[in-house]
Amino acid sequence: MDEDAREQGLLTALTTEHFVLQTSRSATITESVGRATVFLSLLSASLIGLGFVC
């Protein structure tokens, strides 16, 4: 039973680490998409503003 408990503990630790890494990756991608959206919105607004001025 000792070997089974060690294997179960290792599997639990690996699963937890995988979940944490996936969550971190998801947060990074979400932040990148948000920043890109803000950038493109500002770029579009600037171009429209320049179109009205010229």
Protein backbone atom coordinates (compact mmCIF):
# COMPACT_ATOMS: atom_id res chain seq x y z
CA MET A 1 0.00 0.00 0.00
CA ASP A 2 2.93 2.34 0.60
CA GLU A 3 3.93 2.27 -3.07
CA ASP A 4 0.31 2.90 -4.14
CA ALA A 5 0.09 5.88 -1.80
CA ARG A 6 3.32 7.34 -3.22
CA GLU A 7 2.09 6.92 -6.79
CA GLN A 8 -1.25 8.51 -5.90
CA GLY A 9 0.55 11.44 -4.24
CA LEU A 10 2.77 11.94 -7.27
CA LEU A 11 -0.21 11.84 -9.63
CA THR A 12 -2.05 14.39 -7.48
CA ALA A 13 0.97 16.72 -7.45
CA LEU A 14 1.42 16.48 -11.22
CA THR A 15 -2.27 17.07 -11.85
CA THR A 16 -2.26 20.12 -9.59
CA GLU A 17 0.86 21.53 -11.28
CA HIS A 18 -0.68 20.98 -14.71
CA PHE A 19 -3.87 22.77 -13.64
CA VAL A 20 -1.88 25.74 -12.28
CA LEU A 21 0.15 26.03 -15.49
CA GLN A 22 -2.99 25.89 -17.63
CA THR A 23 -4.60 28.61 -15.54
CA SER A 24 -1.52 30.81 -15.84
CA ARG A 25 -1.39 30.28 -19.60
CA SER A 26 -5.07 31.16 -19.93
CA ALA A 27 -4.61 34.36 -17.91
CA THR A 28 -1.64 35.38 -20.06
CA ILE A 29 -3.56 34.81 -23.29
CA THR A 30 -6.59 36.70 -21.97
CA GLU A 31 -4.42 39.67 -21.01
CA SER A 32 -2.70 39.67 -24.41
CA VAL A 33 -6.02 39.64 -26.24
CA GLY A 34 -7.29 42.48 -24.06
CA ARG A 35 -4.24 44.62 -24.74
CA ALA A 36 -4.44 43.94 -28.48
CA THR A 37 -8.12 44.91 -28.49
CA VAL A 38 -7.38 48.19 -26.73
CA PHE A 39 -4.53 48.92 -29.14
CA LEU A 40 -6.62 48.23 -32.23
CA SER A 41 -9.51 50.30 -30.87
CA LEU A 42 -7.23 53.27 -30.25
CA LEU A 43 -5.61 52.88 -33.65
CA SER A 44 -9.00 52.79 -35.36
CA ALA A 45 -10.22 55.85 -33.42
CA SER A 46 -7.04 57.73 -34.31
CA LEU A 47 -7.41 56.95 -38.01
CA ILE A 48 -11.05 58.03 -37.97
CA GLY A 49 -10.07 61.24 -36.18
CA LEU A 50 -7.35 61.95 -38.73
CA GLY A 51 -9.87 61.32 -41.48
CA PHE A 52 -12.15 64.01 -40.10
CA VAL A 53 -9.28 66.50 -39.73
CA CYS A 54 -7.87 66.03 -43.22
